[in-house]
Protein backbone atom coordinates (compact mmCIF):
# COMPACT_ATOMS: atom_id res chain seq x y z
CA MET A 1 -16.54 -7.39 -3.81
CA ALA A 2 -18.32 -3.72 -4.91
CA TRP A 3 -16.94 -1.80 -2.14
CA ALA A 4 -13.20 -2.40 -3.19
CA ASP A 5 -13.82 -0.49 -6.43
CA THR A 6 -14.58 2.73 -4.55
CA VAL A 7 -12.18 2.38 -1.76
CA ILE A 8 -9.11 4.78 -1.54
CA TRP A 9 -6.69 3.85 1.16
CA TRP A 10 -4.57 6.12 3.28
CA HIS A 11 -1.61 4.29 4.25
CA CYS A 12 0.17 5.09 7.65
CA TYR A 13 2.77 2.90 9.68
CA PRO A 14 1.49 3.24 13.12
CA LEU A 15 4.58 2.31 15.37
CA ARG A 16 5.93 5.27 14.10
CA PHE A 17 2.58 7.49 13.65
CA VAL A 18 2.29 7.38 17.02
CA ASP A 19 5.89 7.36 18.37
CA ALA A 20 6.24 4.40 19.77
CA GLU A 21 9.15 2.75 21.52
CA ARG A 22 11.94 1.19 19.15
CA GLU A 23 12.00 -1.87 21.07
CA ALA A 24 9.42 -4.37 22.29
CA THR A 25 7.86 -3.79 25.45
CA ASP A 26 5.39 -5.90 27.78
CA VAL A 27 4.08 -2.35 29.24
CA VAL A 28 1.28 -1.76 27.50
CA GLU A 29 0.50 2.02 26.47
CA HIS A 30 -2.97 2.75 24.89
CA ARG A 31 -1.90 4.86 21.82
CA LEU A 32 -4.11 3.55 18.67
CA TRP A 33 -6.66 6.51 19.96
CA ARG A 34 -3.92 8.64 18.15
CA LEU A 35 -4.84 6.96 14.83
CA THR A 36 -8.39 7.23 15.87
CA ASN A 37 -7.94 10.91 16.18
CA TRP A 38 -7.23 11.19 12.19
CA LEU A 39 -10.71 9.46 10.88
CA ASP A 40 -12.45 12.47 10.62
CA TYR A 41 -9.37 13.93 8.37
CA VAL A 42 -9.34 10.97 6.33
CA VAL A 43 -12.98 11.49 5.45
CA GLY A 44 -12.34 14.99 5.11
CA LEU A 45 -9.66 14.30 2.28
CA GLY A 46 -11.96 11.85 0.46
CA ALA A 47 -10.37 8.70 1.34
CA ASN A 48 -12.37 5.89 2.55
CA GLY A 49 -9.89 2.96 3.97
CA MET A 50 -6.69 3.10 6.28
CA LEU A 51 -4.19 0.83 5.17
CA LEU A 52 -2.18 0.12 8.17
CA ALA A 53 1.58 -1.34 8.41
CA PRO A 54 1.82 -4.11 11.39
CA VAL A 55 -0.03 -3.38 14.39
CA PHE A 56 1.03 -7.16 16.01
CA ALA A 57 3.39 -7.46 18.35
CA SER A 58 6.78 -7.24 17.38
CA ARG A 59 10.45 -7.01 18.63
CA SER A 60 11.17 -3.32 16.69
CA HIS A 61 9.61 -2.15 13.39
CA GLY A 62 6.39 -4.21 13.48
CA TYR A 63 8.01 -7.00 10.47
CA ASP A 64 9.59 -9.03 12.73
CA THR A 65 6.45 -10.42 14.44
CA LEU A 66 6.50 -12.15 18.02
CA ASP A 67 2.99 -12.65 18.29
CA HIS A 68 0.31 -12.61 15.44
CA TYR A 69 -3.06 -12.71 17.80
CA ARG A 70 -1.76 -9.58 20.19
CA ILE A 71 -2.00 -6.16 19.39
CA ASP A 72 1.82 -4.32 19.74
CA PRO A 73 1.68 -3.31 23.45
CA ARG A 74 3.35 -0.22 22.31
CA LEU A 75 0.17 0.48 20.56
CA GLY A 76 -2.69 -0.76 23.05
CA ASP A 77 -4.63 -3.91 23.33
CA GLU A 78 -7.07 -5.60 21.72
CA ALA A 79 -10.24 -3.09 23.08
CA ASP A 80 -8.00 -0.37 21.60
CA PHE A 81 -7.95 -1.74 17.93
CA GLY A 82 -11.77 -2.76 18.78
CA GLU A 83 -12.48 1.16 19.18
CA LEU A 84 -10.65 2.15 16.25
CA VAL A 85 -12.58 -0.77 14.08
CA TRP A 86 -15.82 0.44 15.14
CA LYS A 87 -15.45 4.16 14.91
CA ALA A 88 -13.67 3.59 11.50
CA LYS A 89 -17.02 1.30 10.59
CA GLU A 90 -18.95 4.51 11.89
CA ARG A 91 -17.44 6.73 9.49
CA GLY A 92 -17.25 4.25 6.63
CA VAL A 93 -13.57 3.49 6.73
CA ARG A 94 -12.72 0.17 5.92
CA LEU A 95 -9.13 -1.64 7.63
CA LEU A 96 -6.31 -3.25 5.56
CA LEU A 97 -3.98 -5.13 8.21
CA ASP A 98 -0.51 -5.84 7.20
CA GLY A 99 -0.06 -9.48 7.20
CA VAL A 100 3.73 -10.31 8.13
CA PHE A 101 3.17 -14.07 7.26
CA ASN A 102 6.33 -14.83 5.07
CA HIS A 103 8.63 -14.55 8.11
CA VAL A 104 8.85 -13.81 12.02
CA SER A 105 10.99 -12.64 14.30
CA ALA A 106 14.09 -14.92 15.48
CA GLY A 107 12.71 -14.75 18.83
CA HIS A 108 9.32 -16.17 18.00
CA GLU A 109 8.24 -19.50 19.70
CA ILE A 110 7.71 -20.90 16.27
CA VAL A 111 11.37 -20.42 16.00
CA ALA A 112 12.30 -21.52 19.46
CA ARG A 113 10.73 -24.49 18.71
CA ALA A 114 12.10 -25.48 15.65
CA LEU A 115 15.57 -24.95 16.78
CA ALA A 116 15.04 -27.02 19.65
CA ASP A 117 13.60 -30.18 17.80
CA GLY A 118 15.91 -29.90 14.72
CA PRO A 119 15.23 -29.37 10.73
CA ALA A 120 13.84 -33.05 10.69
CA SER A 121 11.29 -32.50 13.07
CA GLU A 122 7.83 -31.48 13.21
CA ALA A 123 8.24 -28.41 14.73
CA GLY A 124 11.58 -28.04 12.41
CA GLY A 125 8.87 -28.50 9.71
CA TRP A 126 7.34 -24.66 10.73
CA ILE A 127 10.50 -23.01 9.05
CA ARG A 128 12.80 -22.71 5.79
CA TRP A 129 16.42 -24.08 6.27
CA VAL A 130 19.64 -23.34 4.91
CA GLY A 131 21.65 -26.61 5.86
CA GLU A 132 21.31 -26.62 10.05
CA TYR A 133 20.58 -22.97 10.04
CA PRO A 134 17.08 -21.30 10.00
CA ARG A 135 16.68 -19.31 6.42
CA GLY A 136 16.27 -15.29 6.72
CA PHE A 137 14.10 -13.42 4.57
CA GLU A 138 16.91 -11.56 2.44
CA GLY A 139 19.45 -12.53 4.35
CA ASN A 140 18.31 -10.73 7.52
CA LEU A 141 19.01 -13.47 10.27
CA ASP A 142 16.28 -11.91 12.57
CA LEU A 143 13.48 -12.54 9.97
CA VAL A 144 13.13 -16.21 9.73
CA GLU A 145 11.24 -17.33 7.06
CA LEU A 146 8.08 -19.71 7.50
CA ASN A 147 7.42 -22.72 5.55
CA LEU A 148 4.04 -21.86 3.87
CA ALA A 149 4.25 -24.89 1.80
CA ASN A 150 3.34 -26.79 5.64
CA PRO A 151 -0.38 -27.36 5.99
CA ALA A 152 0.10 -26.83 9.74
CA VAL A 153 1.44 -23.51 8.69
CA GLN A 154 -0.99 -22.77 6.55
CA ASP A 155 -3.85 -23.85 9.06
CA TYR A 156 -1.74 -21.15 11.27
CA VAL A 157 -1.90 -18.42 8.77
CA VAL A 158 -5.61 -18.94 7.98
CA GLY A 159 -6.62 -18.61 11.81
CA VAL A 160 -4.57 -15.21 11.87
CA MET A 161 -6.38 -14.04 8.76
CA ASN A 162 -9.81 -15.10 10.29
CA HIS A 163 -9.49 -13.99 13.77
CA TRP A 164 -9.10 -10.49 12.75
CA LEU A 165 -11.35 -10.42 9.79
CA ASP A 166 -13.72 -11.70 12.68
CA ARG A 167 -13.12 -8.61 14.46
CA GLY A 168 -13.55 -6.09 11.77
CA ALA A 169 -11.07 -6.27 9.33
CA ASP A 170 -11.78 -5.53 5.97
CA GLY A 171 -8.74 -7.11 4.25
CA TRP A 172 -5.10 -8.00 4.20
CA ARG A 173 -1.79 -6.96 2.78
CA LEU A 174 0.38 -9.83 2.58
CA ASP A 175 3.96 -8.36 3.17
CA ALA A 176 6.57 -10.03 0.85
CA ALA A 177 4.02 -12.51 -0.88
CA TYR A 178 6.53 -12.51 -3.61
CA ALA A 179 8.93 -14.44 -1.43
CA ALA A 180 6.96 -17.70 -0.80
CA GLY A 181 5.58 -17.36 -4.92
CA PRO A 182 1.82 -17.61 -5.97
CA ASP A 183 1.32 -21.11 -5.38
CA ALA A 184 1.90 -20.78 -1.66
CA TRP A 185 -0.91 -18.19 -1.18
CA ARG A 186 -4.02 -19.91 -3.00
CA PRO A 187 -4.53 -22.96 -0.50
CA ILE A 188 -4.54 -20.36 1.94
CA LEU A 189 -6.61 -17.69 0.22
CA GLU A 190 -9.55 -19.97 -0.51
CA ARG A 191 -10.06 -20.83 2.81
CA VAL A 192 -9.98 -17.43 4.35
CA ARG A 193 -12.46 -16.68 1.49
CA GLN A 194 -14.73 -19.40 2.12
CA ALA A 195 -15.21 -17.57 6.03
CA HIS A 196 -15.01 -14.24 4.63
CA PRO A 197 -15.62 -14.07 1.06
CA ASP A 198 -15.67 -10.03 1.07
CA ALA A 199 -12.11 -9.60 2.39
CA TRP A 200 -9.92 -7.59 -0.21
CA ILE A 201 -6.44 -9.44 -0.44
CA LEU A 202 -3.55 -7.30 -1.39
CA ALA A 203 -0.12 -8.63 -2.55
CA GLU A 204 3.06 -7.16 -2.04
CA VAL A 205 4.90 -7.95 -5.29
CA ILE A 206 7.92 -5.90 -6.39
CA HIS A 207 9.42 -7.64 -10.03
CA GLY A 208 7.70 -10.26 -12.11
CA ASP A 209 4.63 -11.08 -13.98
CA TYR A 210 1.81 -9.32 -11.82
CA VAL A 211 -1.15 -10.81 -13.85
CA ASP A 212 0.42 -14.52 -13.42
CA PHE A 213 0.84 -13.81 -9.90
CA ALA A 214 -2.73 -12.67 -9.32
CA ALA A 215 -4.21 -15.26 -10.91
CA ARG A 216 -2.37 -18.17 -9.42
CA SER A 217 -2.12 -17.18 -5.86
CA GLY A 218 -6.10 -15.69 -5.75
CA VAL A 219 -5.21 -11.89 -4.60
CA ASP A 220 -7.17 -9.08 -5.72
CA SER A 221 -4.64 -6.35 -6.08
CA VAL A 222 -0.78 -6.44 -6.47
CA THR A 223 1.46 -3.68 -5.72
CA GLU A 224 2.13 -1.30 -8.59
CA TYR A 225 6.05 -0.67 -8.44
CA GLU A 226 6.38 -0.50 -12.30
CA LEU A 227 3.60 2.69 -12.08
CA TRP A 228 5.53 4.01 -9.16
CA LYS A 229 8.94 3.71 -10.90
CA SER A 230 8.00 5.09 -14.11
CA THR A 231 5.68 7.95 -12.60
CA TRP A 232 8.84 9.68 -10.65
CA SER A 233 11.18 8.51 -13.28
CA SER A 234 9.63 10.08 -16.28
CA LEU A 235 9.30 13.71 -14.82
CA ASN A 236 12.64 13.52 -13.51
CA ASP A 237 14.55 12.70 -16.78
CA HIS A 238 11.88 14.84 -18.92
CA ASN A 239 10.72 11.09 -20.81
CA PHE A 240 7.10 10.52 -21.07
CA HIS A 241 7.96 7.96 -23.36
CA GLU A 242 9.09 5.98 -20.22
CA LEU A 243 5.52 6.49 -19.24
CA ALA A 244 3.85 5.48 -22.28
CA TRP A 245 5.25 2.29 -22.28
CA THR A 246 4.43 1.83 -18.64
CA LEU A 247 0.86 2.64 -19.30
CA THR A 248 0.82 -0.15 -21.78
CA ARG A 249 1.43 -2.30 -19.18
CA HIS A 250 -0.75 -1.22 -16.62
CA ALA A 251 -3.43 -1.26 -18.99
CA GLN A 252 -2.83 -5.00 -19.26
CA PHE A 253 -2.78 -5.30 -15.56
CA ALA A 254 -6.14 -3.55 -14.71
CA SER A 255 -8.05 -5.48 -17.56
CA ARG A 256 -7.37 -8.47 -15.17
CA PHE A 257 -7.52 -7.39 -11.52
CA ARG A 258 -7.35 -3.92 -9.94
CA PRO A 259 -3.46 -2.77 -9.21
CA LEU A 260 -2.92 -1.03 -6.21
CA ASN A 261 -1.68 2.13 -7.28
CA PHE A 262 0.40 4.23 -5.38
CA VAL A 263 3.52 7.31 -5.24
CA GLY A 264 4.88 6.56 -1.86
CA ASN A 265 4.88 3.93 1.05
CA HIS A 266 6.73 3.02 4.01
CA ASP A 267 9.67 1.54 2.08
CA THR A 268 10.45 4.47 -0.74
CA THR A 269 11.56 8.17 -0.50
CA ARG A 270 8.81 10.46 -0.48
CA ILE A 271 7.22 11.86 -3.62
CA ALA A 272 7.81 15.31 -2.54
CA THR A 273 11.65 14.15 -2.39
CA LYS A 274 11.79 11.85 -5.08
CA LEU A 275 10.90 14.42 -7.93
CA THR A 276 13.73 17.04 -8.89
CA ASP A 277 11.34 19.89 -9.86
CA PRO A 278 8.70 20.01 -7.10
CA ARG A 279 6.79 22.23 -9.79
CA ASN A 280 5.80 18.60 -11.33
CA LEU A 281 4.22 17.25 -7.69
CA PRO A 282 0.78 17.73 -8.66
CA LEU A 283 0.83 15.75 -12.04
CA ALA A 284 1.98 12.27 -9.94
CA HIS A 285 -1.02 12.70 -7.87
CA ALA A 286 -2.93 13.34 -10.75
CA LEU A 287 -1.86 9.83 -12.27
CA LEU A 288 -2.22 8.38 -9.16
CA MET A 289 -5.82 9.47 -8.87
CA LEU A 290 -7.27 9.31 -12.49
CA LEU A 291 -5.70 6.15 -13.36
CA PRO A 292 -7.50 2.55 -13.22
CA GLY A 293 -6.55 0.72 -10.22
CA VAL A 294 -6.89 1.27 -6.68
CA PRO A 295 -5.28 4.58 -5.01
CA ALA A 296 -3.24 4.27 -1.95
CA ILE A 297 -2.15 7.64 -0.40
CA TYR A 298 0.82 7.20 2.05
CA ALA A 299 0.07 9.34 4.87
CA GLY A 300 1.56 13.01 4.59
CA ASP A 301 2.27 12.93 0.76
CA GLU A 302 -1.10 14.84 0.77
CA GLN A 303 0.50 17.55 2.76
CA GLY A 304 3.64 17.22 0.75
CA PHE A 305 5.86 15.52 3.88
CA THR A 306 9.96 15.38 2.33
CA GLY A 307 11.74 12.67 3.47
CA GLU A 308 14.60 10.22 1.80
CA LYS A 309 14.91 6.59 2.52
CA THR A 310 18.57 5.36 3.04
CA ASP A 311 20.22 2.17 3.94
CA GLY A 312 21.69 1.21 7.05
CA ALA A 313 20.20 1.62 10.80
CA GLY A 314 17.52 4.57 10.87
CA GLY A 315 17.33 4.63 7.20
CA ASP A 316 13.24 4.67 7.20
CA ASP A 317 12.83 6.83 9.72
CA ALA A 318 12.50 9.79 7.84
CA VAL A 319 9.86 8.22 5.80
CA ARG A 320 8.28 6.77 8.69
CA PRO A 321 7.68 10.26 11.11
CA PRO A 322 5.56 10.91 14.07
CA PHE A 323 2.39 12.69 13.23
CA PRO A 324 0.89 15.23 15.44
CA ILE A 325 -1.69 14.03 18.14
CA ASP A 326 -4.72 14.90 16.03
CA PRO A 327 -4.52 17.14 12.60
CA ASP A 328 -4.58 20.34 14.33
CA GLY A 329 -0.85 20.01 14.76
CA LEU A 330 -0.24 20.09 11.19
CA SER A 331 1.60 23.13 9.17
CA ASP A 332 -0.77 25.33 7.20
CA LEU A 333 2.16 24.72 4.53
CA GLY A 334 0.47 21.45 3.34
CA ARG A 335 -3.04 22.84 2.68
CA PRO A 336 -2.82 23.27 -0.95
CA LEU A 337 -1.52 19.66 -1.74
CA TYR A 338 -3.95 18.84 0.42
CA GLU A 339 -6.69 20.76 -1.16
CA LEU A 340 -5.58 19.44 -4.61
CA HIS A 341 -5.95 15.77 -3.00
CA GLN A 342 -9.53 16.90 -2.17
CA ARG A 343 -10.39 18.04 -5.91
CA LEU A 344 -8.64 14.78 -7.22
CA ILE A 345 -10.66 12.78 -5.25
CA HIS A 346 -13.78 14.54 -6.46
CA LEU A 347 -13.19 14.03 -9.68
CA ARG A 348 -12.74 10.22 -8.97
CA ARG A 349 -15.95 9.92 -7.19
CA THR A 350 -17.56 11.93 -9.91
CA HIS A 351 -16.04 9.21 -12.68
CA PRO A 352 -16.11 6.08 -10.45
CA TRP A 353 -15.43 3.97 -13.84
CA LEU A 354 -11.93 5.06 -13.87
CA THR A 355 -11.19 2.64 -11.42
CA TRP A 356 -11.67 -0.24 -14.07
CA ALA A 357 -11.06 2.01 -17.48
CA GLY A 358 -9.12 1.16 -20.50
CA VAL A 359 -6.09 2.95 -21.08
CA SER A 360 -4.24 4.31 -24.28
CA VAL A 361 -1.83 6.88 -25.35
CA GLY A 362 -2.69 9.56 -27.31
CA LYS A 363 -0.16 11.93 -28.22
CA VAL A 364 3.26 11.69 -26.44
CA ALA A 365 6.48 13.63 -26.50
CA ASP A 366 9.24 14.15 -23.84
CA GLU A 367 7.36 16.69 -21.45
CA THR A 368 3.64 16.09 -22.43
CA ILE A 369 1.16 13.15 -23.04
CA ALA A 370 -2.34 12.54 -23.17
CA ILE A 371 -3.79 9.39 -21.62
CA ASN A 372 -7.37 8.31 -23.04
CA LEU A 373 -9.52 6.73 -20.65
CA ASP A 374 -12.38 4.53 -21.57
CA GLY A 375 -15.08 3.77 -19.51
CA GLY A 376 -17.44 2.75 -22.29
CA ALA A 377 -20.52 4.97 -21.95
CA GLN A 378 -17.77 7.55 -20.90
CA ARG A 379 -14.63 8.72 -22.06
CA LEU A 380 -12.01 11.28 -20.54
CA THR A 381 -8.45 12.26 -21.52
CA LEU A 382 -5.87 13.26 -19.04
CA GLY A 383 -3.18 15.42 -20.31
CA LEU A 384 0.20 16.02 -18.49
CA ASN A 385 2.84 18.95 -19.37
CA SER A 386 5.84 19.05 -17.45
CA GLY A 387 7.14 21.87 -19.54
CA ASP A 388 7.28 25.44 -19.04
CA SER A 389 5.17 26.48 -21.69
CA PRO A 390 1.38 25.56 -22.06
CA VAL A 391 0.37 22.95 -24.72
CA GLU A 392 -2.87 21.96 -26.51
CA LEU A 393 -3.09 18.09 -26.73
CA PRO A 394 -5.96 15.94 -28.58
CA GLY A 395 -8.53 14.70 -26.49
CA LEU A 396 -11.66 11.97 -26.19
CA ASN A 397 -13.78 15.02 -26.30
CA GLY A 398 -11.93 17.32 -28.18
CA PRO A 399 -8.61 19.59 -27.44
CA LEU A 400 -7.06 19.86 -23.87
CA ARG A 401 -5.47 23.28 -22.80
CA VAL A 402 -2.35 22.18 -20.33
CA GLU A 403 -0.78 24.48 -18.41
CA PRO A 404 2.71 24.49 -17.85
CA HIS A 405 3.50 21.76 -15.10
CA GLY A 406 0.06 21.25 -14.92
CA TRP A 407 -2.69 18.43 -15.81
CA ALA A 408 -6.20 18.55 -17.21
CA LEU A 409 -8.89 16.08 -17.33
CA GLY A 410 -11.34 16.67 -20.08
């Protein structure tokens, strides 16, 4: 699908974005309009997609789903979602929904039926079990794993995905796709594509063989956690040799599918907090925007938001803050970083072939690296310098001067 090669996502977490209640409620509060208020901001940034964390009825944080067919009442209702869709379409902004299909809330009616009838029953076959007890996702007993190998569950997931694609969504992020494995998703996605061949499907995969997962599952993209980790750790450790090694892997991924590149998301410490030297923040964003793949900007990173993810209750709060009702409520302190993103996105729009470019590493040292980007007829070199002195790096189009804690493309 051609549109996916030009999309730049702005990733946000709706329930916290709109400052919703922490626990489920049946009282409908119409708050999705607060997301709609930010569409012009997204376009002004240069992005053209909204990647949304869960918007469906859940018990608390959105990943403990109670009803896949209902917009979370804390956000509004289907009419509110419809307004978001048409106003996004009006501006050329795509919408990607978060599909939490690996597990559901322990309070979901699917689980209630399974518990009532037992593991050996037809209803019991909808979930995974450990002996006589429902299996909790990664040990969380409030998140009961669905049995995606069950044809009835596959029918259910296909129905949900098509329902919201019919209503204007452009694709899905498959939460915890790694848990069920790639083979579980192929029969589901093949059926979804029969009805929606242009839908873009992203799989959350943290570890393992990304190429194999994409090929066997049939997804379009995989979350590039290897590049995320290497970005901040190579800068913090003054060790671009790590990044150079990771880029050999990234080149392999990008030759087979379009990886989802990110320097932050709703599950990670903010990049502005993660970096030990804030002067290197522009280098991280340059890698995000100029390497092959599909970039996703975690909402607020373009403003320099800070926040550390911690373990335990409330550990995600700092990286999932409420946003102002509209962009006018932002501090001017984030303006320089916002403008940097605009410049980086302009460069990417000027060179659309960067999405699928070949990657190789030229000269690399502890604090400098030259990354060659090959688009066939066009070639560029991205130079990074995390040191305190200017350097000259060899580029495909001639020497490249890179200022201290700076980047250059030429």
